[in-house]
Amino acid sequence: FTVTARNAAGTGDPSAASAPVTPYAKPDAPTGVVATAGVSEATVSWTGPASNGSTIDGYTVTADSGAGSCTTTGALTCVVTGLMNGTPYTFTVTARNAAGTGDPSAASNSVTPTS
């Protein structure tokens, strides 16, 4: 960036250029989402995005039916609790950084919590 000043006499010379900057971008979608069923819960793990845009602040895991979710502050695994035993679920994961929340991952494998 450069800066110029303007007054009644006109526009002055530009300043020296600033250091280069790169705007933040939202992170890509996480990949490799895998779910493992438990009793009324599922453990979900994934691989972080290929492109972060900036440092990842955390992840959110969401059940396909909206039945449950969990968040992390950087861990690549999370346990979604409060699920109904005998009901199948898939999960998606989103990553967030300073620019916002990225697109959701592809759905995990289907798992059915048991009692």
PDB file of N, CA and C in Angstrom:
ATOM      1  N   PHE A   1       0.828  -1.168   0.000  1.00  0.00           N
ATOM      2  CA  PHE A   1       0.000   0.000   0.000  1.00  0.00           C
ATOM      3  C   PHE A   1       0.878   1.237   0.000  1.00  0.00           C
ATOM      4  N   THR A   2       0.371   2.298  -0.593  1.00  0.00           N
ATOM      5  CA  THR A   2       1.013   3.606  -0.515  1.00  0.00           C
ATOM      6  C   THR A   2      -0.044   4.613  -0.089  1.00  0.00           C
ATOM      7  N   VAL A   3       0.421   5.749   0.399  1.00  0.00           N
ATOM      8  CA  VAL A   3      -0.486   6.793   0.857  1.00  0.00           C
ATOM      9  C   VAL A   3      -0.111   8.091   0.155  1.00  0.00           C
ATOM     10  N   THR A   4      -1.121   8.833  -0.272  1.00  0.00           N
ATOM     11  CA  THR A   4      -0.903  10.174  -0.819  1.00  0.00           C
ATOM     12  C   THR A   4      -1.760  11.157  -0.045  1.00  0.00           C
ATOM     13  N   ALA A   5      -1.319  12.380  -0.008  1.00  0.00           N
ATOM     14  CA  ALA A   5      -2.086  13.454   0.621  1.00  0.00           C
ATOM     15  C   ALA A   5      -2.592  14.384  -0.475  1.00  0.00           C
ATOM     16  N   ARG A   6      -3.759  14.958  -0.255  1.00  0.00           N
ATOM     17  CA  ARG A   6      -4.344  15.856  -1.242  1.00  0.00           C
ATOM     18  C   ARG A   6      -4.840  17.097  -0.525  1.00  0.00           C
ATOM     19  N   ASN A   7      -4.585  18.253  -1.114  1.00  0.00           N
ATOM     20  CA  ASN A   7      -5.123  19.512  -0.596  1.00  0.00           C
ATOM     21  C   ASN A   7      -5.495  20.396  -1.787  1.00  0.00           C
ATOM     22  N   ALA A   8      -5.729  21.667  -1.554  1.00  0.00           N
ATOM     23  CA  ALA A   8      -6.147  22.583  -2.623  1.00  0.00           C
ATOM     24  C   ALA A   8      -5.102  22.702  -3.723  1.00  0.00           C
ATOM     25  N   ALA A   9      -3.846  22.466  -3.381  1.00  0.00           N
ATOM     26  CA  ALA A   9      -2.769  22.571  -4.372  1.00  0.00           C
ATOM     27  C   ALA A   9      -2.623  21.300  -5.203  1.00  0.00           C
ATOM     28  N   GLY A  10      -3.279  20.228  -4.788  1.00  0.00           N
ATOM     29  CA  GLY A  10      -3.187  18.983  -5.546  1.00  0.00           C
ATOM     30  C   GLY A  10      -2.793  17.801  -4.686  1.00  0.00           C
ATOM     31  N   THR A  11      -2.395  16.743  -5.348  1.00  0.00           N
ATOM     32  CA  THR A  11      -2.010  15.503  -4.672  1.00  0.00           C
ATOM     33  C   THR A  11      -0.503  15.417  -4.586  1.00  0.00           C
ATOM     34  N   GLY A  12      -0.032  15.086  -3.394  1.00  0.00           N
ATOM     35  CA  GLY A  12       1.399  14.972  -3.173  1.00  0.00           C
ATOM     36  C   GLY A  12       1.942  13.649  -3.672  1.00  0.00           C
ATOM     37  N   ASP A  13       3.248  13.498  -3.523  1.00  0.00           N
ATOM     38  CA  ASP A  13       3.902  12.259  -3.932  1.00  0.00           C
ATOM     39  C   ASP A  13       3.474  11.110  -3.010  1.00  0.00           C
ATOM     40  N   PRO A  14       3.453   9.901  -3.548  1.00  0.00           N
ATOM     41  CA  PRO A  14       3.068   8.754  -2.710  1.00  0.00           C
ATOM     42  C   PRO A  14       4.183   8.411  -1.709  1.00  0.00           C
ATOM     43  N   SER A  15       3.753   7.839  -0.605  1.00  0.00           N
ATOM     44  CA  SER A  15       4.694   7.370   0.407  1.00  0.00           C
ATOM     45  C   SER A  15       5.434   6.142  -0.115  1.00  0.00           C
ATOM     46  N   ALA A  16       6.404   5.714   0.640  1.00  0.00           N
ATOM     47  CA  ALA A  16       7.051   4.438   0.326  1.00  0.00           C
ATOM     48  C   ALA A  16       6.014   3.332   0.514  1.00  0.00           C
ATOM     49  N   ALA A  17       6.165   2.269  -0.215  1.00  0.00           N
ATOM     50  CA  ALA A  17       5.219   1.153  -0.133  1.00  0.00           C
ATOM     51  C   ALA A  17       5.326   0.458   1.221  1.00  0.00           C
ATOM     52  N   SER A  18       4.197  -0.008   1.716  1.00  0.00           N
ATOM     53  CA  SER A  18       4.176  -0.772   2.967  1.00  0.00           C
ATOM     54  C   SER A  18       4.743  -2.161   2.719  1.00  0.00           C
ATOM     55  N   ALA A  19       4.930  -2.876   3.792  1.00  0.00           N
ATOM     56  CA  ALA A  19       5.326  -4.276   3.672  1.00  0.00           C
ATOM     57  C   ALA A  19       4.167  -5.042   3.028  1.00  0.00           C
ATOM     58  N   PRO A  20       4.459  -6.121   2.313  1.00  0.00           N
ATOM     59  CA  PRO A  20       3.362  -6.882   1.699  1.00  0.00           C
ATOM     60  C   PRO A  20       2.489  -7.556   2.762  1.00  0.00           C
ATOM     61  N   VAL A  21       1.216  -7.684   2.472  1.00  0.00           N
ATOM     62  CA  VAL A  21       0.267  -8.360   3.350  1.00  0.00           C
ATOM     63  C   VAL A  21      -0.576  -9.316   2.526  1.00  0.00           C
ATOM     64  N   THR A  22      -1.049 -10.354   3.174  1.00  0.00           N
ATOM     65  CA  THR A  22      -1.946 -11.314   2.535  1.00  0.00           C
ATOM     66  C   THR A  22      -3.227 -11.373   3.356  1.00  0.00           C
ATOM     67  N   PRO A  23      -4.375 -11.039   2.771  1.00  0.00           N
ATOM     68  CA  PRO A  23      -5.630 -11.110   3.524  1.00  0.00           C
ATOM     69  C   PRO A  23      -5.909 -12.546   3.974  1.00  0.00           C
ATOM     70  N   TYR A  24      -6.563 -12.651   5.116  1.00  0.00           N
ATOM     71  CA  TYR A  24      -6.960 -13.968   5.611  1.00  0.00           C
ATOM     72  C   TYR A  24      -8.033 -14.556   4.704  1.00  0.00           C
ATOM     73  N   ALA A  25      -8.015 -15.862   4.585  1.00  0.00           N
ATOM     74  CA  ALA A  25      -9.054 -16.591   3.862  1.00  0.00           C
ATOM     75  C   ALA A  25      -9.646 -17.618   4.817  1.00  0.00           C
ATOM     76  N   LYS A  26     -10.892 -17.972   4.595  1.00  0.00           N
ATOM     77  CA  LYS A  26     -11.500 -19.039   5.392  1.00  0.00           C
ATOM     78  C   LYS A  26     -10.765 -20.342   5.107  1.00  0.00           C
ATOM     79  N   PRO A  27     -10.723 -21.242   6.082  1.00  0.00           N
ATOM     80  CA  PRO A  27     -10.020 -22.507   5.860  1.00  0.00           C
ATOM     81  C   PRO A  27     -10.785 -23.422   4.906  1.00  0.00           C
ATOM     82  N   ASP A  28     -10.038 -24.299   4.246  1.00  0.00           N
ATOM     83  CA  ASP A  28     -10.661 -25.347   3.439  1.00  0.00           C
ATOM     84  C   ASP A  28     -11.402 -26.304   4.360  1.00  0.00           C
ATOM     85  N   ALA A  29     -12.167 -27.204   3.780  1.00  0.00           N
ATOM     86  CA  ALA A  29     -12.891 -28.208   4.556  1.00  0.00           C
ATOM     87  C   ALA A  29     -11.917 -29.262   5.080  1.00  0.00           C
ATOM     88  N   PRO A  30     -12.127 -29.721   6.314  1.00  0.00           N
ATOM     89  CA  PRO A  30     -11.347 -30.855   6.806  1.00  0.00           C
ATOM     90  C   PRO A  30     -11.618 -32.088   5.938  1.00  0.00           C
ATOM     91  N   THR A  31     -10.741 -33.060   5.992  1.00  0.00           N
ATOM     92  CA  THR A  31     -10.886 -34.285   5.195  1.00  0.00           C
ATOM     93  C   THR A  31     -10.774 -35.512   6.089  1.00  0.00           C
ATOM     94  N   GLY A  32     -11.050 -36.666   5.510  1.00  0.00           N
ATOM     95  CA  GLY A  32     -10.852 -37.935   6.206  1.00  0.00           C
ATOM     96  C   GLY A  32     -11.667 -38.083   7.468  1.00  0.00           C
ATOM     97  N   VAL A  33     -12.919 -37.646   7.457  1.00  0.00           N
ATOM     98  CA  VAL A  33     -13.763 -37.697   8.657  1.00  0.00           C
ATOM     99  C   VAL A  33     -14.228 -39.138   8.902  1.00  0.00           C
ATOM    100  N   VAL A  34     -13.930 -39.635  10.098  1.00  0.00           N
ATOM    101  CA  VAL A  34     -14.266 -41.012  10.471  1.00  0.00           C
ATOM    102  C   VAL A  34     -14.984 -40.985  11.818  1.00  0.00           C
ATOM    103  N   ALA A  35     -16.099 -41.718  11.905  1.00  0.00           N
ATOM    104  CA  ALA A  35     -16.867 -41.804  13.147  1.00  0.00           C
ATOM    105  C   ALA A  35     -16.809 -43.225  13.695  1.00  0.00           C
ATOM    106  N   THR A  36     -16.802 -43.317  15.026  1.00  0.00           N
ATOM    107  CA  THR A  36     -16.838 -44.602  15.724  1.00  0.00           C
ATOM    108  C   THR A  36     -17.959 -44.527  16.750  1.00  0.00           C
ATOM    109  N   ALA A  37     -18.891 -45.488  16.714  1.00  0.00           N
ATOM    110  CA  ALA A  37     -20.045 -45.475  17.614  1.00  0.00           C
ATOM    111  C   ALA A  37     -19.642 -45.880  19.024  1.00  0.00           C
ATOM    112  N   GLY A  38     -20.351 -45.299  19.983  1.00  0.00           N
ATOM    113  CA  GLY A  38     -20.241 -45.669  21.387  1.00  0.00           C
ATOM    114  C   GLY A  38     -21.638 -45.785  21.952  1.00  0.00           C
ATOM    115  N   VAL A  39     -21.760 -45.768  23.266  1.00  0.00           N
ATOM    116  CA  VAL A  39     -23.056 -45.823  23.924  1.00  0.00           C
ATOM    117  C   VAL A  39     -23.614 -44.401  23.978  1.00  0.00           C
ATOM    118  N   SER A  40     -24.661 -44.139  23.221  1.00  0.00           N
ATOM    119  CA  SER A  40     -25.308 -42.820  23.133  1.00  0.00           C
ATOM    120  C   SER A  40     -24.357 -41.721  22.682  1.00  0.00           C
ATOM    121  N   GLU A  41     -23.265 -42.096  21.985  1.00  0.00           N
ATOM    122  CA  GLU A  41     -22.307 -41.102  21.521  1.00  0.00           C
ATOM    123  C   GLU A  41     -21.527 -41.633  20.335  1.00  0.00           C
ATOM    124  N   ALA A  42     -20.762 -40.746  19.728  1.00  0.00           N
ATOM    125  CA  ALA A  42     -19.862 -41.135  18.647  1.00  0.00           C
ATOM    126  C   ALA A  42     -18.596 -40.302  18.767  1.00  0.00           C
ATOM    127  N   THR A  43     -17.463 -40.954  18.557  1.00  0.00           N
ATOM    128  CA  THR A  43     -16.183 -40.255  18.511  1.00  0.00           C
ATOM    129  C   THR A  43     -15.869 -39.992  17.050  1.00  0.00           C
ATOM    130  N   VAL A  44     -15.583 -38.748  16.724  1.00  0.00           N
ATOM    131  CA  VAL A  44     -15.332 -38.340  15.342  1.00  0.00           C
ATOM    132  C   VAL A  44     -13.906 -37.804  15.256  1.00  0.00           C
ATOM    133  N   SER A  45     -13.160 -38.255  14.254  1.00  0.00           N
ATOM    134  CA  SER A  45     -11.803 -37.750  14.028  1.00  0.00           C
ATOM    135  C   SER A  45     -11.672 -37.338  12.572  1.00  0.00           C
ATOM    136  N   TRP A  46     -10.666 -36.512  12.281  1.00  0.00           N
ATOM    137  CA  TRP A  46     -10.499 -35.965  10.932  1.00  0.00           C
ATOM    138  C   TRP A  46      -9.082 -35.465  10.753  1.00  0.00           C
ATOM    139  N   THR A  47      -8.783 -35.068   9.528  1.00  0.00           N
ATOM    140  CA  THR A  47      -7.522 -34.428   9.176  1.00  0.00           C
ATOM    141  C   THR A  47      -7.800 -32.955   8.939  1.00  0.00           C
ATOM    142  N   GLY A  48      -6.920 -32.094   9.427  1.00  0.00           N
ATOM    143  CA  GLY A  48      -7.099 -30.651   9.259  1.00  0.00           C
ATOM    144  C   GLY A  48      -7.072 -30.251   7.798  1.00  0.00           C
ATOM    145  N   PRO A  49      -7.556 -29.050   7.486  1.00  0.00           N
ATOM    146  CA  PRO A  49      -7.626 -28.585   6.101  1.00  0.00           C
ATOM    147  C   PRO A  49      -6.252 -28.450   5.452  1.00  0.00           C
ATOM    148  N   ALA A  50      -6.223 -28.618   4.149  1.00  0.00           N
ATOM    149  CA  ALA A  50      -4.983 -28.460   3.385  1.00  0.00           C
ATOM    150  C   ALA A  50      -4.535 -27.007   3.401  1.00  0.00           C
ATOM    151  N   SER A  51      -5.474 -26.069   3.374  1.00  0.00           N
ATOM    152  CA  SER A  51      -5.156 -24.649   3.386  1.00  0.00           C
ATOM    153  C   SER A  51      -5.915 -24.001   4.538  1.00  0.00           C
ATOM    154  N   ASN A  52      -5.174 -23.396   5.464  1.00  0.00           N
ATOM    155  CA  ASN A  52      -5.803 -22.809   6.648  1.00  0.00           C
ATOM    156  C   ASN A  52      -6.215 -21.358   6.464  1.00  0.00           C
ATOM    157  N   GLY A  53      -5.571 -20.617   5.580  1.00  0.00           N
ATOM    158  CA  GLY A  53      -5.836 -19.186   5.466  1.00  0.00           C
ATOM    159  C   GLY A  53      -5.155 -18.424   6.576  1.00  0.00           C
ATOM    160  N   SER A  54      -5.321 -18.851   7.795  1.00  0.00           N
ATOM    161  CA  SER A  54      -4.616 -18.364   8.985  1.00  0.00           C
ATOM    162  C   SER A  54      -4.738 -19.461  10.032  1.00  0.00           C
ATOM    163  N   THR A  55      -4.216 -19.221  11.198  1.00  0.00           N
ATOM    164  CA  THR A  55      -4.234 -20.236  12.248  1.00  0.00           C
ATOM    165  C   THR A  55      -5.658 -20.706  12.537  1.00  0.00           C
ATOM    166  N   ILE A  56      -5.845 -22.011  12.628  1.00  0.00           N
ATOM    167  CA  ILE A  56      -7.160 -22.579  12.959  1.00  0.00           C
ATOM    168  C   ILE A  56      -7.468 -22.291  14.427  1.00  0.00           C
ATOM    169  N   ASP A  57      -8.652 -21.717  14.684  1.00  0.00           N
ATOM    170  CA  ASP A  57      -9.103 -21.439  16.052  1.00  0.00           C
ATOM    171  C   ASP A  57      -9.809 -22.648  16.656  1.00  0.00           C
ATOM    172  N   GLY A  58     -10.404 -23.483  15.815  1.00  0.00           N
ATOM    173  CA  GLY A  58     -11.129 -24.634  16.321  1.00  0.00           C
ATOM    174  C   GLY A  58     -11.952 -25.298  15.238  1.00  0.00           C
ATOM    175  N   TYR A  59     -12.640 -26.353  15.651  1.00  0.00           N
ATOM    176  CA  TYR A  59     -13.463 -27.158  14.750  1.00  0.00           C
ATOM    177  C   TYR A  59     -14.823 -27.389  15.393  1.00  0.00           C
ATOM    178  N   THR A  60     -15.832 -27.590  14.545  1.00  0.00           N
ATOM    179  CA  THR A  60     -17.163 -27.977  15.008  1.00  0.00           C
ATOM    180  C   THR A  60     -17.593 -29.220  14.256  1.00  0.00           C
ATOM    181  N   VAL A  61     -18.033 -30.226  15.003  1.00  0.00           N
ATOM    182  CA  VAL A  61     -18.558 -31.472  14.448  1.00  0.00           C
ATOM    183  C   VAL A  61     -20.070 -31.425  14.614  1.00  0.00           C
ATOM    184  N   THR A  62     -20.814 -31.750  13.558  1.00  0.00           N
ATOM    185  CA  THR A  62     -22.274 -31.716  13.607  1.00  0.00           C
ATOM    186  C   THR A  62     -22.853 -33.017  13.072  1.00  0.00           C
ATOM    187  N   ALA A  63     -23.803 -33.589  13.813  1.00  0.00           N
ATOM    188  CA  ALA A  63     -24.514 -34.788  13.358  1.00  0.00           C
ATOM    189  C   ALA A  63     -25.446 -34.394  12.221  1.00  0.00           C
ATOM    190  N   ASP A  64     -25.647 -35.299  11.260  1.00  0.00           N
ATOM    191  CA  ASP A  64     -26.463 -35.006  10.082  1.00  0.00           C
ATOM    192  C   ASP A  64     -27.878 -34.584  10.411  1.00  0.00           C
ATOM    193  N   SER A  65     -28.426 -35.077  11.474  1.00  0.00           N
ATOM    194  CA  SER A  65     -29.802 -34.736  11.829  1.00  0.00           C
ATOM    195  C   SER A  65     -29.869 -33.536  12.752  1.00  0.00           C
ATOM    196  N   GLY A  66     -28.726 -32.947  13.062  1.00  0.00           N
ATOM    197  CA  GLY A  66     -28.696 -31.847  14.016  1.00  0.00           C
ATOM    198  C   GLY A  66     -28.881 -32.332  15.445  1.00  0.00           C
ATOM    199  N   ALA A  67     -28.786 -33.651  15.643  1.00  0.00           N
ATOM    200  CA  ALA A  67     -29.031 -34.247  16.958  1.00  0.00           C
ATOM    201  C   ALA A  67     -27.948 -33.922  17.967  1.00  0.00           C
ATOM    202  N   GLY A  68     -26.816 -33.496  17.509  1.00  0.00           N
ATOM    203  CA  GLY A  68     -25.752 -33.190  18.449  1.00  0.00           C
ATOM    204  C   GLY A  68     -24.562 -32.583  17.747  1.00  0.00           C
ATOM    205  N   SER A  69     -23.705 -31.970  18.527  1.00  0.00           N
ATOM    206  CA  SER A  69     -22.484 -31.400  17.991  1.00  0.00           C
ATOM    207  C   SER A  69     -21.462 -31.299  19.114  1.00  0.00           C
ATOM    208  N   CYS A  70     -20.231 -31.020  18.732  1.00  0.00           N
ATOM    209  CA  CYS A  70     -19.183 -30.737  19.700  1.00  0.00           C
ATOM    210  C   CYS A  70     -18.177 -29.814  19.036  1.00  0.00           C
ATOM    211  N   THR A  71     -17.407 -29.107  19.841  1.00  0.00           N
ATOM    212  CA  THR A  71     -16.404 -28.198  19.320  1.00  0.00           C
ATOM    213  C   THR A  71     -15.062 -28.475  19.990  1.00  0.00           C
ATOM    214  N   THR A  72     -13.997 -28.116  19.293  1.00  0.00           N
ATOM    215  CA  THR A  72     -12.659 -28.208  19.854  1.00  0.00           C
ATOM    216  C   THR A  72     -11.946 -26.884  19.622  1.00  0.00           C
ATOM    217  N   THR A  73     -10.849 -26.691  20.302  1.00  0.00           N
ATOM    218  CA  THR A  73     -10.032 -25.505  20.084  1.00  0.00           C
ATOM    219  C   THR A  73      -8.764 -25.868  19.327  1.00  0.00           C
ATOM    220  N   GLY A  74      -8.824 -26.952  18.581  1.00  0.00           N
ATOM    221  CA  GLY A  74      -7.695 -27.340  17.750  1.00  0.00           C
ATOM    222  C   GLY A  74      -7.481 -28.839  17.676  1.00  0.00           C
ATOM    223  N   ALA A  75      -8.028 -29.596  18.623  1.00  0.00           N
ATOM    224  CA  ALA A  75      -7.894 -31.054  18.583  1.00  0.00           C
ATOM    225  C   ALA A  75      -8.576 -31.602  17.337  1.00  0.00           C
ATOM    226  N   LEU A  76      -8.071 -32.717  16.821  1.00  0.00           N
ATOM    227  CA  LEU A  76      -8.619 -33.331  15.607  1.00  0.00           C
ATOM    228  C   LEU A  76      -9.508 -34.524  15.927  1.00  0.00           C
ATOM    229  N   THR A  77     -10.106 -34.511  17.102  1.00  0.00           N
ATOM    230  CA  THR A  77     -11.078 -35.524  17.496  1.00  0.00           C
ATOM    231  C   THR A  77     -12.050 -34.892  18.484  1.00  0.00           C
ATOM    232  N   CYS A  78     -13.281 -35.398  18.483  1.00  0.00           N
ATOM    233  CA  CYS A  78     -14.317 -34.818  19.334  1.00  0.00           C
ATOM    234  C   CYS A  78     -15.384 -35.893  19.581  1.00  0.00           C
ATOM    235  N   VAL A  79     -16.006 -35.871  20.753  1.00  0.00           N
ATOM    236  CA  VAL A  79     -17.051 -36.833  21.084  1.00  0.00           C
ATOM    237  C   VAL A  79     -18.405 -36.120  21.080  1.00  0.00           C
ATOM    238  N   VAL A  80     -19.303 -36.585  20.216  1.00  0.00           N
ATOM    239  CA  VAL A  80     -20.671 -36.053  20.154  1.00  0.00           C
ATOM    240  C   VAL A  80     -21.515 -36.922  21.082  1.00  0.00           C
ATOM    241  N   THR A  81     -22.067 -36.317  22.123  1.00  0.00           N
ATOM    242  CA  THR A  81     -22.854 -37.062  23.108  1.00  0.00           C
ATOM    243  C   THR A  81     -24.348 -36.802  22.916  1.00  0.00           C
ATOM    244  N   GLY A  82     -25.165 -37.554  23.655  1.00  0.00           N
ATOM    245  CA  GLY A  82     -26.611 -37.356  23.639  1.00  0.00           C
ATOM    246  C   GLY A  82     -27.299 -37.923  22.417  1.00  0.00           C
ATOM    247  N   LEU A  83     -26.653 -38.863  21.726  1.00  0.00           N
ATOM    248  CA  LEU A  83     -27.258 -39.465  20.532  1.00  0.00           C
ATOM    249  C   LEU A  83     -28.200 -40.592  20.944  1.00  0.00           C
ATOM    250  N   MET A  84     -29.166 -40.879  20.073  1.00  0.00           N
ATOM    251  CA  MET A  84     -30.129 -41.950  20.354  1.00  0.00           C
ATOM    252  C   MET A  84     -29.560 -43.291  19.917  1.00  0.00           C
ATOM    253  N   ASN A  85     -29.522 -44.233  20.842  1.00  0.00           N
ATOM    254  CA  ASN A  85     -29.071 -45.580  20.506  1.00  0.00           C
ATOM    255  C   ASN A  85     -29.991 -46.178  19.451  1.00  0.00           C
ATOM    256  N   GLY A  86     -29.425 -46.905  18.507  1.00  0.00           N
ATOM    257  CA  GLY A  86     -30.197 -47.547  17.457  1.00  0.00           C
ATOM    258  C   GLY A  86     -30.490 -46.651  16.264  1.00  0.00           C
ATOM    259  N   THR A  87     -30.077 -45.391  16.319  1.00  0.00           N
ATOM    260  CA  THR A  87     -30.303 -44.451  15.219  1.00  0.00           C
ATOM    261  C   THR A  87     -28.987 -44.222  14.493  1.00  0.00           C
ATOM    262  N   PRO A  88     -28.959 -44.378  13.166  1.00  0.00           N
ATOM    263  CA  PRO A  88     -27.706 -44.134  12.434  1.00  0.00           C
ATOM    264  C   PRO A  88     -27.435 -42.640  12.263  1.00  0.00           C
ATOM    265  N   TYR A  89     -26.155 -42.288  12.291  1.00  0.00           N
ATOM    266  CA  TYR A  89     -25.722 -40.896  12.144  1.00  0.00           C
ATOM    267  C   TYR A  89     -24.497 -40.812  11.238  1.00  0.00           C
ATOM    268  N   THR A  90     -24.399 -39.701  10.520  1.00  0.00           N
ATOM    269  CA  THR A  90     -23.148 -39.305   9.871  1.00  0.00           C
ATOM    270  C   THR A  90     -22.805 -37.924  10.416  1.00  0.00           C
ATOM    271  N   PHE A  91     -21.572 -37.487  10.209  1.00  0.00           N
ATOM    272  CA  PHE A  91     -21.103 -36.243  10.792  1.00  0.00           C
ATOM    273  C   PHE A  91     -20.296 -35.446   9.779  1.00  0.00           C
ATOM    274  N   THR A  92     -20.370 -34.123   9.886  1.00  0.00           N
ATOM    275  CA  THR A  92     -19.511 -33.246   9.097  1.00  0.00           C
ATOM    276  C   THR A  92     -18.711 -32.390  10.073  1.00  0.00           C
ATOM    277  N   VAL A  93     -17.583 -31.872   9.569  1.00  0.00           N
ATOM    278  CA  VAL A  93     -16.695 -31.052  10.395  1.00  0.00           C
ATOM    279  C   VAL A  93     -16.408 -29.749   9.652  1.00  0.00           C
ATOM    280  N   THR A  94     -16.438 -28.631  10.372  1.00  0.00           N
ATOM    281  CA  THR A  94     -16.017 -27.345   9.822  1.00  0.00           C
ATOM    282  C   THR A  94     -14.838 -26.828  10.645  1.00  0.00           C
ATOM    283  N   ALA A  95     -13.973 -26.074   9.985  1.00  0.00           N
ATOM    284  CA  ALA A  95     -12.848 -25.422  10.652  1.00  0.00           C
ATOM    285  C   ALA A  95     -13.108 -23.928  10.671  1.00  0.00           C
ATOM    286  N   ARG A  96     -12.604 -23.240  11.694  1.00  0.00           N
ATOM    287  CA  ARG A  96     -12.769 -21.786  11.752  1.00  0.00           C
ATOM    288  C   ARG A  96     -11.433 -21.124  12.068  1.00  0.00           C
ATOM    289  N   ASN A  97     -11.269 -19.922  11.511  1.00  0.00           N
ATOM    290  CA  ASN A  97     -10.086 -19.105  11.764  1.00  0.00           C
ATOM    291  C   ASN A  97     -10.519 -17.645  11.847  1.00  0.00           C
ATOM    292  N   ALA A  98      -9.570 -16.725  11.800  1.00  0.00           N
ATOM    293  CA  ALA A  98      -9.881 -15.298  11.929  1.00  0.00           C
ATOM    294  C   ALA A  98     -10.823 -14.797  10.842  1.00  0.00           C
ATOM    295  N   ALA A  99     -10.841 -15.450   9.675  1.00  0.00           N
ATOM    296  CA  ALA A  99     -11.702 -15.020   8.570  1.00  0.00           C
ATOM    297  C   ALA A  99     -13.105 -15.593   8.654  1.00  0.00           C
ATOM    298  N   GLY A 100     -13.323 -16.601   9.493  1.00  0.00           N
ATOM    299  CA  GLY A 100     -14.647 -17.194   9.623  1.00  0.00           C
ATOM    300  C   GLY A 100     -14.608 -18.703   9.547  1.00  0.00           C
ATOM    301  N   THR A 101     -15.773 -19.291   9.324  1.00  0.00           N
ATOM    302  CA  THR A 101     -15.925 -20.749   9.260  1.00  0.00           C
ATOM    303  C   THR A 101     -15.909 -21.191   7.811  1.00  0.00           C
ATOM    304  N   GLY A 102     -15.104 -22.212   7.526  1.00  0.00           N
ATOM    305  CA  GLY A 102     -15.001 -22.748   6.177  1.00  0.00           C
ATOM    306  C   GLY A 102     -16.151 -23.675   5.845  1.00  0.00           C
ATOM    307  N   ASP A 103     -16.111 -24.213   4.650  1.00  0.00           N
ATOM    308  CA  ASP A 103     -17.135 -25.151   4.197  1.00  0.00           C
ATOM    309  C   ASP A 103     -17.063 -26.447   4.993  1.00  0.00           C
ATOM    310  N   PRO A 104     -18.196 -27.164   5.113  1.00  0.00           N
ATOM    311  CA  PRO A 104     -18.179 -28.440   5.828  1.00  0.00           C
ATOM    312  C   PRO A 104     -17.457 -29.524   5.029  1.00  0.00           C
ATOM    313  N   SER A 105     -16.935 -30.475   5.777  1.00  0.00           N
ATOM    314  CA  SER A 105     -16.292 -31.639   5.171  1.00  0.00           C
ATOM    315  C   SER A 105     -17.328 -32.515   4.481  1.00  0.00           C
ATOM    316  N   ALA A 106     -16.846 -33.489   3.747  1.00  0.00           N
ATOM    317  CA  ALA A 106     -17.725 -34.564   3.277  1.00  0.00           C
ATOM    318  C   ALA A 106     -18.192 -35.333   4.510  1.00  0.00           C
ATOM    319  N   ALA A 107     -19.346 -35.967   4.414  1.00  0.00           N
ATOM    320  CA  ALA A 107     -19.897 -36.709   5.549  1.00  0.00           C
ATOM    321  C   ALA A 107     -19.034 -37.904   5.912  1.00  0.00           C
ATOM    322  N   SER A 108     -19.027 -38.213   7.189  1.00  0.00           N
ATOM    323  CA  SER A 108     -18.321 -39.390   7.696  1.00  0.00           C
ATOM    324  C   SER A 108     -19.056 -40.655   7.284  1.00  0.00           C
ATOM    325  N   ASN A 109     -18.479 -41.772   7.659  1.00  0.00           N
ATOM    326  CA  ASN A 109     -19.180 -43.058   7.548  1.00  0.00           C
ATOM    327  C   ASN A 109     -20.377 -43.025   8.496  1.00  0.00           C
ATOM    328  N   SER A 110     -21.361 -43.852   8.247  1.00  0.00           N
ATOM    329  CA  SER A 110     -22.548 -43.937   9.104  1.00  0.00           C
ATOM    330  C   SER A 110     -22.252 -44.853  10.292  1.00  0.00           C
ATOM    331  N   VAL A 111     -22.635 -44.397  11.488  1.00  0.00           N
ATOM    332  CA  VAL A 111     -22.481 -45.217  12.688  1.00  0.00           C
ATOM    333  C   VAL A 111     -23.801 -45.219  13.455  1.00  0.00           C
ATOM    334  N   THR A 112     -24.034 -46.277  14.227  1.00  0.00           N
ATOM    335  CA  THR A 112     -25.245 -46.398  15.014  1.00  0.00           C
ATOM    336  C   THR A 112     -24.865 -46.642  16.468  1.00  0.00           C
ATOM    337  N   PRO A 113     -25.064 -45.650  17.334  1.00  0.00           N
ATOM    338  CA  PRO A 113     -24.754 -45.842  18.760  1.00  0.00           C
ATOM    339  C   PRO A 113     -25.591 -46.988  19.328  1.00  0.00           C
ATOM    340  N   THR A 114     -25.015 -47.686  20.307  1.00  0.00           N
ATOM    341  CA  THR A 114     -25.693 -48.821  20.936  1.00  0.00           C
ATOM    342  C   THR A 114     -25.723 -48.623  22.435  1.00  0.00           C
ATOM    343  N   SER A 115     -26.568 -49.396  23.079  1.00  0.00           N
ATOM    344  CA  SER A 115     -26.662 -49.311  24.541  1.00  0.00           C
ATOM    345  C   SER A 115     -25.870 -50.403  25.197  1.00  0.00           C
TER     346      SER A 115
END
